[in-house]
Amino acid sequence: MRVTFNELAERELNDAAQYYELEQPGLGGAFITDVQKCADAILAYPLAGSIVRGSIRRRLCQRFPYGLLIP
């Protein structure tokens, strides 16, 4: 199993990474790494996120103000 992003979410992720990279070199890569760790945690513990609505859960990244939704 793997985590995938829809087109709009992937665009938002890339835009955020570019923003962080412009703010400080290397920060964009750190952001992507944090999101990947969050995605890995979702795969390991899919029911650990808080319920947003119905069966949709949200998992927050540790270092950056970013969250992933899990259907």
PDB file of N, CA and C in Angstrom:
ATOM      1  N   MET A   1       0.841  -1.179   0.000  1.00  0.00           N
ATOM      2  CA  MET A   1       0.000   0.000   0.000  1.00  0.00           C
ATOM      3  C   MET A   1       0.887   1.244   0.000  1.00  0.00           C
ATOM      4  N   ARG A   2       0.407   2.309  -0.625  1.00  0.00           N
ATOM      5  CA  ARG A   2       1.185   3.548  -0.656  1.00  0.00           C
ATOM      6  C   ARG A   2       0.242   4.739  -0.603  1.00  0.00           C
ATOM      7  N   VAL A   3       0.785   5.864  -0.225  1.00  0.00           N
ATOM      8  CA  VAL A   3       0.022   7.106  -0.149  1.00  0.00           C
ATOM      9  C   VAL A   3       0.120   7.811  -1.490  1.00  0.00           C
ATOM     10  N   THR A   4      -1.015   8.277  -1.999  1.00  0.00           N
ATOM     11  CA  THR A   4      -1.032   9.061  -3.233  1.00  0.00           C
ATOM     12  C   THR A   4      -1.748  10.381  -2.958  1.00  0.00           C
ATOM     13  N   PHE A   5      -1.425  11.380  -3.760  1.00  0.00           N
ATOM     14  CA  PHE A   5      -2.025  12.699  -3.634  1.00  0.00           C
ATOM     15  C   PHE A   5      -2.813  12.993  -4.903  1.00  0.00           C
ATOM     16  N   ASN A   6      -3.993  13.583  -4.748  1.00  0.00           N
ATOM     17  CA  ASN A   6      -4.697  13.997  -5.957  1.00  0.00           C
ATOM     18  C   ASN A   6      -3.970  15.208  -6.543  1.00  0.00           C
ATOM     19  N   GLU A   7      -4.352  15.604  -7.738  1.00  0.00           N
ATOM     20  CA  GLU A   7      -3.627  16.646  -8.468  1.00  0.00           C
ATOM     21  C   GLU A   7      -3.544  17.963  -7.692  1.00  0.00           C
ATOM     22  N   LEU A   8      -4.653  18.390  -7.106  1.00  0.00           N
ATOM     23  CA  LEU A   8      -4.642  19.665  -6.368  1.00  0.00           C
ATOM     24  C   LEU A   8      -3.789  19.574  -5.104  1.00  0.00           C
ATOM     25  N   ALA A   9      -3.869  18.459  -4.417  1.00  0.00           N
ATOM     26  CA  ALA A   9      -3.065  18.287  -3.204  1.00  0.00           C
ATOM     27  C   ALA A   9      -1.581  18.256  -3.537  1.00  0.00           C
ATOM     28  N   GLU A  10      -1.230  17.601  -4.636  1.00  0.00           N
ATOM     29  CA  GLU A  10       0.178  17.554  -5.042  1.00  0.00           C
ATOM     30  C   GLU A  10       0.687  18.944  -5.417  1.00  0.00           C
ATOM     31  N   ARG A  11      -0.151  19.709  -6.077  1.00  0.00           N
ATOM     32  CA  ARG A  11       0.232  21.078  -6.432  1.00  0.00           C
ATOM     33  C   ARG A  11       0.428  21.920  -5.169  1.00  0.00           C
ATOM     34  N   GLU A  12      -0.479  21.769  -4.206  1.00  0.00           N
ATOM     35  CA  GLU A  12      -0.349  22.501  -2.941  1.00  0.00           C
ATOM     36  C   GLU A  12       0.927  22.096  -2.209  1.00  0.00           C
ATOM     37  N   LEU A  13       1.225  20.810  -2.207  1.00  0.00           N
ATOM     38  CA  LEU A  13       2.437  20.313  -1.561  1.00  0.00           C
ATOM     39  C   LEU A  13       3.684  20.914  -2.205  1.00  0.00           C
ATOM     40  N   ASN A  14       3.727  20.921  -3.528  1.00  0.00           N
ATOM     41  CA  ASN A  14       4.882  21.485  -4.239  1.00  0.00           C
ATOM     42  C   ASN A  14       4.993  22.990  -4.036  1.00  0.00           C
ATOM     43  N   ASP A  15       3.862  23.685  -4.027  1.00  0.00           N
ATOM     44  CA  ASP A  15       3.881  25.134  -3.780  1.00  0.00           C
ATOM     45  C   ASP A  15       4.418  25.435  -2.384  1.00  0.00           C
ATOM     46  N   ALA A  16       3.978  24.663  -1.403  1.00  0.00           N
ATOM     47  CA  ALA A  16       4.452  24.869  -0.034  1.00  0.00           C
ATOM     48  C   ALA A  16       5.948  24.601   0.064  1.00  0.00           C
ATOM     49  N   ALA A  17       6.421  23.544  -0.589  1.00  0.00           N
ATOM     50  CA  ALA A  17       7.850  23.224  -0.563  1.00  0.00           C
ATOM     51  C   ALA A  17       8.667  24.348  -1.197  1.00  0.00           C
ATOM     52  N   GLN A  18       8.185  24.893  -2.314  1.00  0.00           N
ATOM     53  CA  GLN A  18       8.879  26.009  -2.956  1.00  0.00           C
ATOM     54  C   GLN A  18       8.905  27.240  -2.053  1.00  0.00           C
ATOM     55  N   TYR A  19       7.788  27.514  -1.392  1.00  0.00           N
ATOM     56  CA  TYR A  19       7.727  28.652  -0.472  1.00  0.00           C
ATOM     57  C   TYR A  19       8.773  28.499   0.637  1.00  0.00           C
ATOM     58  N   TYR A  20       8.783  27.327   1.276  1.00  0.00           N
ATOM     59  CA  TYR A  20       9.743  27.108   2.360  1.00  0.00           C
ATOM     60  C   TYR A  20      11.180  27.191   1.863  1.00  0.00           C
ATOM     61  N   GLU A  21      11.432  26.699   0.665  1.00  0.00           N
ATOM     62  CA  GLU A  21      12.788  26.752   0.108  1.00  0.00           C
ATOM     63  C   GLU A  21      13.221  28.190  -0.141  1.00  0.00           C
ATOM     64  N   LEU A  22      12.284  29.039  -0.573  1.00  0.00           N
ATOM     65  CA  LEU A  22      12.601  30.456  -0.767  1.00  0.00           C
ATOM     66  C   LEU A  22      12.864  31.160   0.560  1.00  0.00           C
ATOM     67  N   GLU A  23      12.156  30.733   1.599  1.00  0.00           N
ATOM     68  CA  GLU A  23      12.357  31.330   2.917  1.00  0.00           C
ATOM     69  C   GLU A  23      13.730  30.992   3.486  1.00  0.00           C
ATOM     70  N   GLN A  24      14.143  29.752   3.290  1.00  0.00           N
ATOM     71  CA  GLN A  24      15.445  29.309   3.796  1.00  0.00           C
ATOM     72  C   GLN A  24      15.890  28.083   2.998  1.00  0.00           C
ATOM     73  N   PRO A  25      17.042  28.147   2.366  1.00  0.00           N
ATOM     74  CA  PRO A  25      17.528  27.002   1.601  1.00  0.00           C
ATOM     75  C   PRO A  25      17.569  25.731   2.461  1.00  0.00           C
ATOM     76  N   GLY A  26      17.044  24.661   1.906  1.00  0.00           N
ATOM     77  CA  GLY A  26      16.997  23.387   2.611  1.00  0.00           C
ATOM     78  C   GLY A  26      15.691  23.142   3.338  1.00  0.00           C
ATOM     79  N   LEU A  27      14.935  24.204   3.592  1.00  0.00           N
ATOM     80  CA  LEU A  27      13.688  24.064   4.340  1.00  0.00           C
ATOM     81  C   LEU A  27      12.609  23.367   3.513  1.00  0.00           C
ATOM     82  N   GLY A  28      12.633  23.565   2.208  1.00  0.00           N
ATOM     83  CA  GLY A  28      11.676  22.887   1.335  1.00  0.00           C
ATOM     84  C   GLY A  28      11.862  21.374   1.386  1.00  0.00           C
ATOM     85  N   GLY A  29      13.114  20.936   1.365  1.00  0.00           N
ATOM     86  CA  GLY A  29      13.403  19.506   1.478  1.00  0.00           C
ATOM     87  C   GLY A  29      12.997  18.949   2.827  1.00  0.00           C
ATOM     88  N   ALA A  30      13.218  19.745   3.873  1.00  0.00           N
ATOM     89  CA  ALA A  30      12.812  19.324   5.215  1.00  0.00           C
ATOM     90  C   ALA A  30      11.287  19.181   5.290  1.00  0.00           C
ATOM     91  N   PHE A  31      10.581  20.075   4.615  1.00  0.00           N
ATOM     92  CA  PHE A  31       9.123  20.005   4.582  1.00  0.00           C
ATOM     93  C   PHE A  31       8.672  18.712   3.898  1.00  0.00           C
ATOM     94  N   ILE A  32       9.245  18.405   2.739  1.00  0.00           N
ATOM     95  CA  ILE A  32       8.886  17.182   2.018  1.00  0.00           C
ATOM     96  C   ILE A  32       9.192  15.952   2.879  1.00  0.00           C
ATOM     97  N   THR A  33      10.316  15.961   3.570  1.00  0.00           N
ATOM     98  CA  THR A  33      10.674  14.854   4.450  1.00  0.00           C
ATOM     99  C   THR A  33       9.647  14.695   5.568  1.00  0.00           C
ATOM    100  N   ASP A  34       9.200  15.809   6.148  1.00  0.00           N
ATOM    101  CA  ASP A  34       8.201  15.762   7.213  1.00  0.00           C
ATOM    102  C   ASP A  34       6.879  15.198   6.693  1.00  0.00           C
ATOM    103  N   VAL A  35       6.479  15.610   5.495  1.00  0.00           N
ATOM    104  CA  VAL A  35       5.241  15.092   4.897  1.00  0.00           C
ATOM    105  C   VAL A  35       5.387  13.601   4.623  1.00  0.00           C
ATOM    106  N   GLN A  36       6.550  13.162   4.159  1.00  0.00           N
ATOM    107  CA  GLN A  36       6.769  11.737   3.896  1.00  0.00           C
ATOM    108  C   GLN A  36       6.701  10.932   5.189  1.00  0.00           C
ATOM    109  N   LYS A  37       7.257  11.462   6.265  1.00  0.00           N
ATOM    110  CA  LYS A  37       7.170  10.776   7.563  1.00  0.00           C
ATOM    111  C   LYS A  37       5.719  10.651   8.005  1.00  0.00           C
ATOM    112  N   CYS A  38       4.946  11.695   7.771  1.00  0.00           N
ATOM    113  CA  CYS A  38       3.525  11.678   8.103  1.00  0.00           C
ATOM    114  C   CYS A  38       2.808  10.611   7.265  1.00  0.00           C
ATOM    115  N   ALA A  39       3.108  10.550   5.984  1.00  0.00           N
ATOM    116  CA  ALA A  39       2.514   9.547   5.101  1.00  0.00           C
ATOM    117  C   ALA A  39       2.905   8.134   5.545  1.00  0.00           C
ATOM    118  N   ASP A  40       4.151   7.944   5.939  1.00  0.00           N
ATOM    119  CA  ASP A  40       4.602   6.637   6.428  1.00  0.00           C
ATOM    120  C   ASP A  40       3.849   6.247   7.701  1.00  0.00           C
ATOM    121  N   ALA A  41       3.614   7.226   8.578  1.00  0.00           N
ATOM    122  CA  ALA A  41       2.868   6.960   9.808  1.00  0.00           C
ATOM    123  C   ALA A  41       1.422   6.570   9.496  1.00  0.00           C
ATOM    124  N   ILE A  42       0.853   7.180   8.466  1.00  0.00           N
ATOM    125  CA  ILE A  42      -0.506   6.824   8.048  1.00  0.00           C
ATOM    126  C   ILE A  42      -0.547   5.368   7.598  1.00  0.00           C
ATOM    127  N   LEU A  43       0.445   4.958   6.830  1.00  0.00           N
ATOM    128  CA  LEU A  43       0.494   3.568   6.374  1.00  0.00           C
ATOM    129  C   LEU A  43       0.647   2.602   7.545  1.00  0.00           C
ATOM    130  N   ALA A  44       1.446   2.984   8.512  1.00  0.00           N
ATOM    131  CA  ALA A  44       1.686   2.118   9.669  1.00  0.00           C
ATOM    132  C   ALA A  44       0.485   2.084  10.619  1.00  0.00           C
ATOM    133  N   TYR A  45      -0.176   3.233  10.787  1.00  0.00           N
ATOM    134  CA  TYR A  45      -1.287   3.349  11.734  1.00  0.00           C
ATOM    135  C   TYR A  45      -2.437   4.138  11.110  1.00  0.00           C
ATOM    136  N   PRO A  46      -3.160   3.540  10.183  1.00  0.00           N
ATOM    137  CA  PRO A  46      -4.181   4.282   9.431  1.00  0.00           C
ATOM    138  C   PRO A  46      -5.340   4.825  10.277  1.00  0.00           C
ATOM    139  N   LEU A  47      -5.575   4.267  11.438  1.00  0.00           N
ATOM    140  CA  LEU A  47      -6.678   4.739  12.279  1.00  0.00           C
ATOM    141  C   LEU A  47      -6.230   5.724  13.357  1.00  0.00           C
ATOM    142  N   ALA A  48      -4.984   6.159  13.318  1.00  0.00           N
ATOM    143  CA  ALA A  48      -4.448   7.025  14.369  1.00  0.00           C
ATOM    144  C   ALA A  48      -4.832   8.490  14.209  1.00  0.00           C
ATOM    145  N   GLY A  49      -5.223   8.914  13.025  1.00  0.00           N
ATOM    146  CA  GLY A  49      -5.584  10.318  12.827  1.00  0.00           C
ATOM    147  C   GLY A  49      -6.917  10.653  13.469  1.00  0.00           C
ATOM    148  N   SER A  50      -7.129  11.923  13.729  1.00  0.00           N
ATOM    149  CA  SER A  50      -8.406  12.335  14.312  1.00  0.00           C
ATOM    150  C   SER A  50      -9.484  12.390  13.224  1.00  0.00           C
ATOM    151  N   ILE A  51     -10.696  12.026  13.594  1.00  0.00           N
ATOM    152  CA  ILE A  51     -11.807  12.001  12.651  1.00  0.00           C
ATOM    153  C   ILE A  51     -12.244  13.431  12.345  1.00  0.00           C
ATOM    154  N   VAL A  52     -12.323  13.745  11.054  1.00  0.00           N
ATOM    155  CA  VAL A  52     -12.753  15.071  10.598  1.00  0.00           C
ATOM    156  C   VAL A  52     -14.243  15.033  10.288  1.00  0.00           C
ATOM    157  N   ARG A  53     -14.633  14.040   9.484  1.00  0.00           N
ATOM    158  CA  ARG A  53     -16.046  13.866   9.141  1.00  0.00           C
ATOM    159  C   ARG A  53     -16.243  12.456   8.607  1.00  0.00           C
ATOM    160  N   GLY A  54     -17.243  11.775   9.101  1.00  0.00           N
ATOM    161  CA  GLY A  54     -17.512  10.408   8.656  1.00  0.00           C
ATOM    162  C   GLY A  54     -16.305   9.518   8.890  1.00  0.00           C
ATOM    163  N   SER A  55     -15.784   8.938   7.823  1.00  0.00           N
ATOM    164  CA  SER A  55     -14.614   8.058   7.948  1.00  0.00           C
ATOM    165  C   SER A  55     -13.315   8.764   7.551  1.00  0.00           C
ATOM    166  N   ILE A  56     -13.379  10.062   7.317  1.00  0.00           N
ATOM    167  CA  ILE A  56     -12.179  10.817   6.924  1.00  0.00           C
ATOM    168  C   ILE A  56     -11.413  11.245   8.175  1.00  0.00           C
ATOM    169  N   ARG A  57     -10.144  10.930   8.164  1.00  0.00           N
ATOM    170  CA  ARG A  57      -9.262  11.274   9.285  1.00  0.00           C
ATOM    171  C   ARG A  57      -8.184  12.244   8.822  1.00  0.00           C
ATOM    172  N   ARG A  58      -7.634  12.978   9.777  1.00  0.00           N
ATOM    173  CA  ARG A  58      -6.556  13.918   9.477  1.00  0.00           C
ATOM    174  C   ARG A  58      -5.371  13.601  10.366  1.00  0.00           C
ATOM    175  N   ARG A  59      -4.216  13.602   9.735  1.00  0.00           N
ATOM    176  CA  ARG A  59      -2.963  13.385  10.457  1.00  0.00           C
ATOM    177  C   ARG A  59      -2.097  14.618  10.250  1.00  0.00           C
ATOM    178  N   LEU A  60      -1.620  15.210  11.321  1.00  0.00           N
ATOM    179  CA  LEU A  60      -0.809  16.421  11.243  1.00  0.00           C
ATOM    180  C   LEU A  60       0.672  16.076  11.167  1.00  0.00           C
ATOM    181  N   CYS A  61       1.395  16.868  10.386  1.00  0.00           N
ATOM    182  CA  CYS A  61       2.850  16.736  10.331  1.00  0.00           C
ATOM    183  C   CYS A  61       3.430  17.225  11.650  1.00  0.00           C
ATOM    184  N   GLN A  62       4.621  16.755  11.975  1.00  0.00           N
ATOM    185  CA  GLN A  62       5.236  17.109  13.253  1.00  0.00           C
ATOM    186  C   GLN A  62       5.841  18.506  13.256  1.00  0.00           C
ATOM    187  N   ARG A  63       6.561  18.850  12.217  1.00  0.00           N
ATOM    188  CA  ARG A  63       7.346  20.087  12.233  1.00  0.00           C
ATOM    189  C   ARG A  63       6.663  21.263  11.560  1.00  0.00           C
ATOM    190  N   PHE A  64       5.835  20.998  10.566  1.00  0.00           N
ATOM    191  CA  PHE A  64       5.228  22.062   9.771  1.00  0.00           C
ATOM    192  C   PHE A  64       3.714  22.078   9.943  1.00  0.00           C
ATOM    193  N   PRO A  65       3.099  23.242   9.783  1.00  0.00           N
ATOM    194  CA  PRO A  65       1.637  23.341   9.927  1.00  0.00           C
ATOM    195  C   PRO A  65       0.926  22.804   8.679  1.00  0.00           C
ATOM    196  N   TYR A  66       0.941  21.492   8.548  1.00  0.00           N
ATOM    197  CA  TYR A  66       0.413  20.835   7.356  1.00  0.00           C
ATOM    198  C   TYR A  66      -0.199  19.519   7.811  1.00  0.00           C
ATOM    199  N   GLY A  67      -1.314  19.151   7.229  1.00  0.00           N
ATOM    200  CA  GLY A  67      -1.968  17.897   7.580  1.00  0.00           C
ATOM    201  C   GLY A  67      -2.376  17.125   6.341  1.00  0.00           C
ATOM    202  N   LEU A  68      -2.508  15.836   6.498  1.00  0.00           N
ATOM    203  CA  LEU A  68      -2.938  14.958   5.413  1.00  0.00           C
ATOM    204  C   LEU A  68      -4.287  14.365   5.779  1.00  0.00           C
ATOM    205  N   LEU A  69      -5.188  14.313   4.801  1.00  0.00           N
ATOM    206  CA  LEU A  69      -6.501  13.704   5.000  1.00  0.00           C
ATOM    207  C   LEU A  69      -6.477  12.274   4.491  1.00  0.00           C
ATOM    208  N   ILE A  70      -7.081  11.377   5.254  1.00  0.00           N
ATOM    209  CA  ILE A  70      -7.103   9.969   4.926  1.00  0.00           C
ATOM    210  C   ILE A  70      -8.552   9.544   4.726  1.00  0.00           C
ATOM    211  N   PRO A  71      -8.917   9.148   3.509  1.00  0.00           N
ATOM    212  CA  PRO A  71     -10.317   8.708   3.299  1.00  0.00           C
ATOM    213  C   PRO A  71     -10.578   7.326   3.873  1.00  0.00           C
TER     214      PRO A  71
END
